[in-house]
Amino acid sequence: MTCTTLPPSADTDSRPSDIPAGRFAVVAHDAGAANQIFSWLSSGDLDPDQAIFALAGPALTLAHQFGFDGTNYSVEHAVSESGWVLTGTGWQTDHEKSAMSAARRCGKKCVAVLDHWVNYRPRFHFCDEGSVEIDELWVVDSEAARIAEEEIPGAEIRRMPGRYLERQIAEVKSAPHRGRILFLMEPVRDAWGMVGVGEAGEFAAFRFFLQCLEDSSAAVGDITIRPHPSDPENKYTLLTDHQIYKITVDSTRSLSSALS
């Protein structure tokens, strides 16, 4: 790929002075970091006019939901045409890791967003290159900052505002409560249970949840399953067949709407 060095943007007065200036690549695949990045862009913490998008997977769908419908480029093009790079940290995709590697080869600053508290190190291991060096890590809470300091020593860590959480809370508060249970799925991608009879962890966890409800004799209304953004369509259809509870699957609404 061709590495291009771009001059800083002249219009940076409204942006924090210690965030890199100029055009920047936004490379994201997984929903977690993408939600954080799009929230910063929407709130003005980052300048959307300076963003060059290279999105894939759930992040591409989320971009449309946030109203970012511009051109989507390849990772190589976005990195080449940018002054610095902002990536997500999906750990079962190489989309973002390839951007980290490309930024390192071009000598451009690379910032990675951590939106969670687990599995930090694997998120920076790229093919045969081993661990990709990151210039700066962005987190939104003190616990993530603490874990990052322990697991990725030497990296600069920045505590960014939690705009995505702020937005979700505001939308939840503005909607009427419906008195239902919302079950948020997380794909474990590993079998739990006895050898030979185990099933994917997310299914085992949900069945355990239902059993606990039955044992407690709690007064429970309808249960709505919200799939993870990476889950395939109809993955949880079989779970809706239950003798006691009315169970539905809904991935069409926003998270705040589902929580409401």
Protein backbone atom coordinates (compact mmCIF):
# COMPACT_ATOMS: atom_id res chain seq x y z
CA MET A 1 0.00 0.00 0.00
CA THR A 2 1.05 3.63 -0.50
CA CYS A 3 1.63 5.57 2.70
CA THR A 4 0.67 9.22 2.49
CA THR A 5 1.44 11.89 5.09
CA LEU A 6 -1.29 14.53 5.25
CA PRO A 7 -1.08 18.01 6.79
CA PRO A 8 -3.26 18.81 9.83
CA SER A 9 -6.69 20.29 9.21
CA ALA A 10 -6.88 24.06 9.63
CA ASP A 11 -10.35 23.85 11.20
CA THR A 12 -9.59 22.27 14.60
CA ASP A 13 -10.60 25.02 17.04
CA SER A 14 -13.71 23.19 18.29
CA ARG A 15 -11.89 19.92 19.01
CA PRO A 16 -9.86 19.05 22.11
CA SER A 17 -6.30 20.20 21.50
CA ASP A 18 -4.71 16.95 22.62
CA ILE A 19 -6.61 14.74 20.17
CA PRO A 20 -4.72 14.37 16.87
CA ALA A 21 -5.73 16.89 14.23
CA GLY A 22 -6.50 16.29 10.58
CA ARG A 23 -8.19 13.51 8.66
CA PHE A 24 -8.40 10.16 10.37
CA ALA A 25 -9.40 6.65 9.40
CA VAL A 26 -12.28 5.04 11.30
CA VAL A 27 -11.87 1.28 11.04
CA ALA A 28 -14.44 -0.84 12.86
CA HIS A 29 -16.13 -4.22 12.66
CA ASP A 30 -17.62 -5.14 16.04
CA ALA A 31 -20.57 -3.24 17.47
CA GLY A 32 -19.13 -2.31 20.87
CA ALA A 33 -16.33 0.01 19.79
CA ALA A 34 -18.33 1.20 16.79
CA ASN A 35 -21.10 2.46 19.08
CA GLN A 36 -18.54 4.43 21.08
CA ILE A 37 -16.89 5.91 17.99
CA PHE A 38 -20.16 6.91 16.30
CA SER A 39 -21.35 8.48 19.55
CA TRP A 40 -18.18 10.60 19.74
CA LEU A 41 -18.66 11.64 16.13
CA SER A 42 -22.32 12.50 16.71
CA SER A 43 -21.61 14.52 19.85
CA GLY A 44 -18.74 16.54 18.38
CA ASP A 45 -15.96 14.97 20.45
CA LEU A 46 -14.57 13.95 17.04
CA ASP A 47 -15.07 15.83 13.77
CA PRO A 48 -17.16 13.65 11.42
CA ASP A 49 -16.09 15.75 8.43
CA GLN A 50 -12.51 14.55 8.94
CA ALA A 51 -13.42 10.83 9.16
CA ILE A 52 -12.56 8.34 6.41
CA PHE A 53 -14.61 5.19 7.01
CA ALA A 54 -13.52 1.59 6.50
CA LEU A 55 -16.34 -0.38 8.10
CA ALA A 56 -17.45 -4.00 7.99
CA GLY A 57 -19.85 -6.33 9.77
CA PRO A 58 -22.10 -4.90 12.51
CA ALA A 59 -20.25 -1.56 12.43
CA LEU A 60 -21.42 -0.92 8.87
CA THR A 61 -25.06 -1.44 9.92
CA LEU A 62 -24.61 0.83 12.93
CA ALA A 63 -23.16 3.60 10.75
CA HIS A 64 -26.47 3.85 8.88
CA GLN A 65 -28.40 3.90 12.17
CA PHE A 66 -26.29 6.83 13.37
CA GLY A 67 -26.80 8.61 10.05
CA PHE A 68 -23.31 8.14 8.61
CA ASP A 69 -24.10 7.14 5.04
CA GLY A 70 -21.00 8.38 3.24
CA THR A 71 -18.51 6.40 1.19
CA ASN A 72 -17.06 3.29 2.80
CA TYR A 73 -13.48 2.57 1.74
CA SER A 74 -11.09 -0.33 2.04
CA VAL A 75 -8.80 -0.45 5.06
CA GLU A 76 -5.77 0.20 2.85
CA HIS A 77 -7.31 3.31 1.28
CA ALA A 78 -8.56 4.72 4.58
CA VAL A 79 -5.20 4.32 6.30
CA SER A 80 -3.27 5.67 3.32
CA GLU A 81 -5.42 8.80 3.04
CA SER A 82 -5.49 9.57 6.76
CA GLY A 83 -3.19 11.36 9.16
CA TRP A 84 -3.96 8.96 12.03
CA VAL A 85 -6.05 5.85 12.60
CA LEU A 86 -8.88 5.07 15.03
CA THR A 87 -9.91 1.42 15.27
CA GLY A 88 -12.20 -0.90 17.15
CA THR A 89 -10.84 -4.02 18.83
CA GLY A 90 -12.87 -6.99 17.60
CA TRP A 91 -11.03 -10.14 18.63
CA GLN A 92 -12.49 -12.67 16.15
CA THR A 93 -11.94 -10.54 13.07
CA ASP A 94 -8.78 -9.23 11.42
CA HIS A 95 -10.50 -6.18 9.93
CA GLU A 96 -9.36 -3.79 12.66
CA LYS A 97 -6.06 -5.57 13.29
CA SER A 98 -5.10 -5.11 9.65
CA ALA A 99 -5.58 -1.37 10.11
CA MET A 100 -3.39 -1.39 13.21
CA SER A 101 -0.69 -3.19 11.25
CA ALA A 102 -1.02 -0.86 8.25
CA ALA A 103 -0.79 2.21 10.47
CA ARG A 104 2.39 0.85 12.05
CA ARG A 105 3.97 0.22 8.63
CA CYS A 106 3.12 3.77 7.55
CA GLY A 107 4.38 5.30 10.76
CA LYS A 108 0.97 6.77 11.57
CA LYS A 109 -0.46 7.08 15.05
CA CYS A 110 -2.97 4.33 15.82
CA VAL A 111 -5.61 4.65 18.53
CA ALA A 112 -7.66 1.60 19.56
CA VAL A 113 -10.99 1.70 21.41
CA LEU A 114 -11.64 -0.76 24.24
CA ASP A 115 -15.35 -0.95 25.06
CA HIS A 116 -15.27 -3.92 27.46
CA TRP A 117 -13.34 -5.52 30.35
CA VAL A 118 -12.15 -8.85 28.93
CA ASN A 119 -9.73 -10.49 26.48
CA TYR A 120 -7.58 -7.42 25.87
CA ARG A 121 -4.36 -9.05 24.64
CA PRO A 122 -5.87 -11.25 21.85
CA ARG A 123 -7.40 -8.14 20.33
CA PHE A 124 -3.95 -6.97 19.28
CA HIS A 125 -2.54 -10.24 17.93
CA PHE A 126 -2.47 -10.17 14.13
CA CYS A 127 -1.64 -13.32 12.13
CA ASP A 128 2.08 -14.07 12.05
CA GLU A 129 3.04 -10.55 13.12
CA GLY A 130 2.35 -11.27 16.77
CA SER A 131 1.15 -8.36 18.89
CA VAL A 132 0.59 -5.12 17.02
CA GLU A 133 1.92 -2.05 18.81
CA ILE A 134 -0.70 0.58 19.66
CA ASP A 135 0.10 4.22 20.40
CA GLU A 136 -2.97 4.99 22.47
CA LEU A 137 -5.96 3.19 24.00
CA TRP A 138 -9.31 4.90 24.50
CA VAL A 139 -11.65 3.68 27.25
CA VAL A 140 -14.82 5.10 28.80
CA ASP A 141 -14.57 3.99 32.43
CA SER A 142 -12.01 3.60 35.20
CA GLU A 143 -12.21 -0.21 35.32
CA ALA A 144 -11.25 -0.52 31.66
CA ALA A 145 -8.39 1.91 32.24
CA ARG A 146 -7.13 -0.16 35.18
CA ILE A 147 -7.22 -3.42 33.23
CA ALA A 148 -5.54 -1.83 30.21
CA GLU A 149 -2.70 -0.53 32.36
CA GLU A 150 -2.09 -4.05 33.70
CA GLU A 151 -2.44 -6.00 30.46
CA ILE A 152 -0.93 -3.57 27.95
CA PRO A 153 1.86 -1.78 29.83
CA GLY A 154 3.47 1.18 28.15
CA ALA A 155 0.45 2.21 26.09
CA GLU A 156 -0.97 5.68 26.60
CA ILE A 157 -4.52 5.43 27.94
CA ARG A 158 -7.16 8.11 27.50
CA ARG A 159 -10.48 8.21 29.36
CA MET A 160 -13.05 9.38 26.83
CA PRO A 161 -16.60 10.52 27.70
CA GLY A 162 -19.16 7.71 27.69
CA ARG A 163 -21.45 9.29 25.11
CA TYR A 164 -22.99 6.00 24.05
CA LEU A 165 -24.06 5.18 27.62
CA GLU A 166 -25.35 8.72 28.11
CA ARG A 167 -27.44 8.38 24.97
CA GLN A 168 -28.88 5.01 25.98
CA ILE A 169 -29.83 6.25 29.46
CA ALA A 170 -31.53 9.35 28.06
CA GLU A 171 -33.57 7.30 25.58
CA VAL A 172 -34.54 4.71 28.18
CA LYS A 173 -35.75 7.40 30.58
CA SER A 174 -37.88 8.99 27.89
CA ALA A 175 -39.79 5.80 27.03
CA PRO A 176 -42.61 4.08 28.97
CA HIS A 177 -41.80 0.96 30.99
CA ARG A 178 -43.51 -2.16 29.67
CA GLY A 179 -42.86 -4.61 32.50
CA ARG A 180 -41.10 -7.26 30.44
CA ILE A 181 -37.78 -9.09 30.82
CA LEU A 182 -35.07 -8.36 28.27
CA PHE A 183 -32.34 -11.00 27.91
CA LEU A 184 -29.21 -9.73 26.17
CA MET A 185 -27.38 -12.55 24.40
CA GLU A 186 -23.59 -12.85 24.33
CA PRO A 187 -22.14 -15.54 22.01
CA VAL A 188 -19.76 -17.63 24.12
CA ARG A 189 -18.57 -19.73 21.16
CA ASP A 190 -17.80 -22.62 23.47
CA ALA A 191 -19.78 -25.56 24.80
CA TRP A 192 -20.76 -25.72 28.44
CA GLY A 193 -21.99 -28.74 30.37
CA MET A 194 -21.08 -32.40 30.66
CA VAL A 195 -18.92 -34.00 27.99
CA GLY A 196 -21.11 -35.23 25.16
CA VAL A 197 -24.18 -33.27 26.22
CA GLY A 198 -22.82 -29.74 26.30
CA GLU A 199 -24.30 -26.95 24.20
CA ALA A 200 -23.16 -23.47 23.24
CA GLY A 201 -22.70 -21.41 26.38
CA GLU A 202 -25.27 -18.77 25.47
CA PHE A 203 -27.97 -21.45 25.15
CA ALA A 204 -26.93 -23.13 28.40
CA ALA A 205 -26.98 -19.76 30.21
CA PHE A 206 -30.47 -18.96 28.95
CA ARG A 207 -31.87 -22.36 29.92
CA PHE A 208 -30.31 -21.95 33.38
CA PHE A 209 -31.98 -18.53 33.61
CA LEU A 210 -35.36 -20.06 32.77
CA GLN A 211 -34.89 -22.84 35.29
CA CYS A 212 -34.10 -20.32 38.01
CA LEU A 213 -37.26 -18.38 37.17
CA GLU A 214 -39.34 -21.55 37.42
CA ASP A 215 -37.74 -22.54 40.73
CA SER A 216 -38.31 -19.10 42.22
CA SER A 217 -42.00 -18.97 41.25
CA ALA A 218 -41.42 -15.31 40.36
CA ALA A 219 -44.22 -13.45 38.64
CA VAL A 220 -42.67 -13.01 35.21
CA GLY A 221 -44.25 -11.50 32.15
CA ASP A 222 -43.04 -11.87 28.58
CA ILE A 223 -39.35 -12.48 27.90
CA THR A 224 -37.64 -10.85 24.93
CA ILE A 225 -34.32 -12.18 23.66
CA ARG A 226 -32.08 -9.57 22.04
CA PRO A 227 -29.43 -11.28 19.88
CA HIS A 228 -25.86 -10.05 19.84
CA PRO A 229 -25.10 -7.99 16.70
CA SER A 230 -22.82 -10.79 15.44
CA ASP A 231 -25.45 -13.53 15.86
CA PRO A 232 -26.90 -14.98 12.64
CA GLU A 233 -30.60 -14.58 11.90
CA ASN A 234 -32.96 -17.13 13.51
CA LYS A 235 -30.22 -18.44 15.83
CA TYR A 236 -32.49 -18.41 18.89
CA THR A 237 -35.78 -19.47 17.29
CA LEU A 238 -35.83 -22.82 19.08
CA LEU A 239 -35.66 -21.09 22.46
CA THR A 240 -39.03 -19.42 21.90
CA ASP A 241 -40.88 -22.75 22.27
CA HIS A 242 -41.59 -22.82 26.00
CA GLN A 243 -44.56 -24.14 27.98
CA ILE A 244 -44.55 -21.52 30.73
CA TYR A 245 -43.18 -18.26 29.34
CA LYS A 246 -43.94 -16.32 26.20
CA ILE A 247 -40.51 -15.82 24.62
CA THR A 248 -39.81 -13.70 21.55
CA VAL A 249 -36.67 -12.65 19.70
CA ASP A 250 -36.26 -9.00 18.69
CA SER A 251 -33.24 -7.41 17.03
CA THR A 252 -35.09 -4.75 15.04
CA ARG A 253 -35.16 -1.95 17.63
CA SER A 254 -32.36 0.06 19.16
CA LEU A 255 -30.90 -1.14 22.43
CA SER A 256 -32.44 1.76 24.34
CA SER A 257 -35.87 1.00 22.85
CA ALA A 258 -35.54 -2.67 23.80
CA LEU A 259 -34.48 -1.73 27.35
CA SER A 260 -37.47 0.56 27.65
